[in-house]
Amino acid sequence: MPPVGDGYRPPAGQGGPEADALAAALRALGNPAAPASQAVAAPCPGGGSARTTRVTLDPVPADPARALAAVAAGAVLLDVPEVYAYRQGAATVALTGGELTATTGCAG
């Protein structure tokens, strides 16, 4: 589902910290070859952009918290049955069901 609103677009150029965080999470989950991903960027009020890259995992990992624990390295934000989320550098990584996302926000 594409985002709603003005200013959303595919990011220009190669991925940033969100792409690196997503790749690390995929490796931890046993998916070294990344499935097709979807990237989107939104303009930030002070310039720059917030970026999200997402992939759909099939099959869904059986124990994502255990698999992602090493990558999360103590920076876990949420660990409930529905969602596992953590910070990795400038990116927030979340696994919700079969959707894995990595997002960088606006500065400030």
Protein backbone atom coordinates (compact mmCIF):
# COMPACT_ATOMS: atom_id res chain seq x y z
CA MET A 1 0.00 0.00 0.00
CA PRO A 2 1.57 3.33 -1.01
CA PRO A 3 1.69 6.15 1.55
CA VAL A 4 -1.06 8.74 1.58
CA GLY A 5 -0.24 12.43 1.20
CA ASP A 6 2.00 14.73 -0.75
CA GLY A 7 5.74 14.45 -1.10
CA TYR A 8 6.16 10.68 -0.83
CA ARG A 9 8.41 9.19 -3.44
CA PRO A 10 10.90 6.41 -4.03
CA PRO A 11 14.25 7.50 -2.56
CA ALA A 12 16.88 8.74 -4.98
CA GLY A 13 20.15 6.85 -5.04
CA GLN A 14 21.29 3.97 -2.90
CA GLY A 15 19.83 3.19 0.49
CA GLY A 16 21.21 4.77 3.61
CA PRO A 17 21.29 3.56 7.22
CA GLU A 18 17.84 2.02 6.85
CA ALA A 19 19.02 -0.26 4.04
CA ASP A 20 22.06 -1.35 6.08
CA ALA A 21 19.89 -2.05 9.15
CA LEU A 22 17.40 -4.02 7.06
CA ALA A 23 20.20 -6.09 5.50
CA ALA A 24 21.64 -6.88 8.95
CA ALA A 25 18.21 -7.96 10.21
CA LEU A 26 17.68 -10.16 7.16
CA ARG A 27 21.04 -11.86 7.71
CA ALA A 28 20.18 -12.46 11.38
CA LEU A 29 16.88 -14.01 10.30
CA GLY A 30 18.68 -16.36 7.91
CA ASN A 31 17.85 -14.47 4.70
CA PRO A 32 21.25 -13.34 3.38
CA ALA A 33 19.82 -12.70 -0.09
CA ALA A 34 17.33 -9.90 0.42
CA PRO A 35 13.88 -10.45 -1.03
CA ALA A 36 12.44 -7.66 -3.17
CA SER A 37 12.14 -4.55 -1.03
CA GLN A 38 10.00 -1.44 -1.25
CA ALA A 39 11.51 1.92 -0.34
CA VAL A 40 9.76 5.23 0.23
CA ALA A 41 10.91 8.66 1.36
CA ALA A 42 9.02 11.62 2.81
CA PRO A 43 10.26 15.19 3.02
CA CYS A 44 11.24 16.50 6.45
CA PRO A 45 10.08 19.97 7.53
CA GLY A 46 13.67 21.19 7.99
CA GLY A 47 15.00 19.59 4.81
CA GLY A 48 16.28 16.13 4.07
CA SER A 49 13.99 13.13 4.16
CA ALA A 50 12.74 10.31 6.31
CA ARG A 51 13.15 6.92 4.62
CA THR A 52 11.60 3.50 5.08
CA THR A 53 12.56 0.26 3.39
CA ARG A 54 10.37 -2.82 3.86
CA VAL A 55 10.29 -6.45 2.84
CA THR A 56 7.72 -9.18 3.28
CA LEU A 57 9.09 -12.37 4.78
CA ASP A 58 7.69 -15.71 3.73
CA PRO A 59 7.84 -17.81 5.78
CA VAL A 60 7.52 -15.67 8.90
CA PRO A 61 10.37 -16.36 11.36
CA ALA A 62 9.34 -18.66 14.21
CA ASP A 63 11.30 -16.87 16.97
CA PRO A 64 12.31 -13.42 15.69
CA ALA A 65 13.30 -12.06 19.10
CA ARG A 66 15.93 -14.77 19.49
CA ALA A 67 17.17 -14.37 15.91
CA LEU A 68 17.37 -10.57 16.10
CA ALA A 69 18.78 -10.31 19.64
CA ALA A 70 22.40 -10.12 18.49
CA VAL A 71 21.65 -7.35 15.99
CA ALA A 72 19.47 -5.46 18.48
CA ALA A 73 22.44 -5.47 20.89
CA GLY A 74 20.44 -4.27 23.88
CA ALA A 75 18.61 -1.50 21.99
CA VAL A 76 15.21 -3.24 22.02
CA LEU A 77 12.27 -0.81 21.91
CA LEU A 78 9.38 -3.28 21.87
CA ASP A 79 9.24 -7.03 22.41
CA VAL A 80 5.67 -8.34 22.36
CA PRO A 81 4.19 -11.26 20.40
CA GLU A 82 2.93 -8.94 17.63
CA VAL A 83 6.01 -6.71 17.20
CA TYR A 84 9.74 -6.82 17.79
CA ALA A 85 11.47 -3.45 17.34
CA TYR A 86 14.91 -2.07 18.06
CA ARG A 87 17.29 0.77 17.18
CA GLN A 88 20.38 0.22 15.09
CA GLY A 89 22.31 3.44 14.67
CA ALA A 90 20.05 6.00 12.99
CA ALA A 91 17.45 3.38 12.01
CA THR A 92 14.52 1.82 13.79
CA VAL A 93 13.90 -1.78 12.73
CA ALA A 94 10.53 -3.47 13.32
CA LEU A 95 9.19 -6.93 12.54
CA THR A 96 5.40 -7.05 12.58
CA GLY A 97 4.07 -10.41 11.46
CA GLY A 98 5.77 -11.01 8.15
CA GLU A 99 6.69 -7.38 7.43
CA LEU A 100 10.20 -6.23 8.26
CA THR A 101 10.81 -2.46 8.08
CA ALA A 102 13.75 -0.17 8.73
CA THR A 103 13.14 3.57 9.04
CA THR A 104 15.20 6.69 9.51
CA GLY A 105 13.41 9.78 10.79
CA CYS A 106 13.85 13.49 10.39
CA ALA A 107 16.75 15.19 12.14
CA GLY A 108 16.02 17.14 15.28
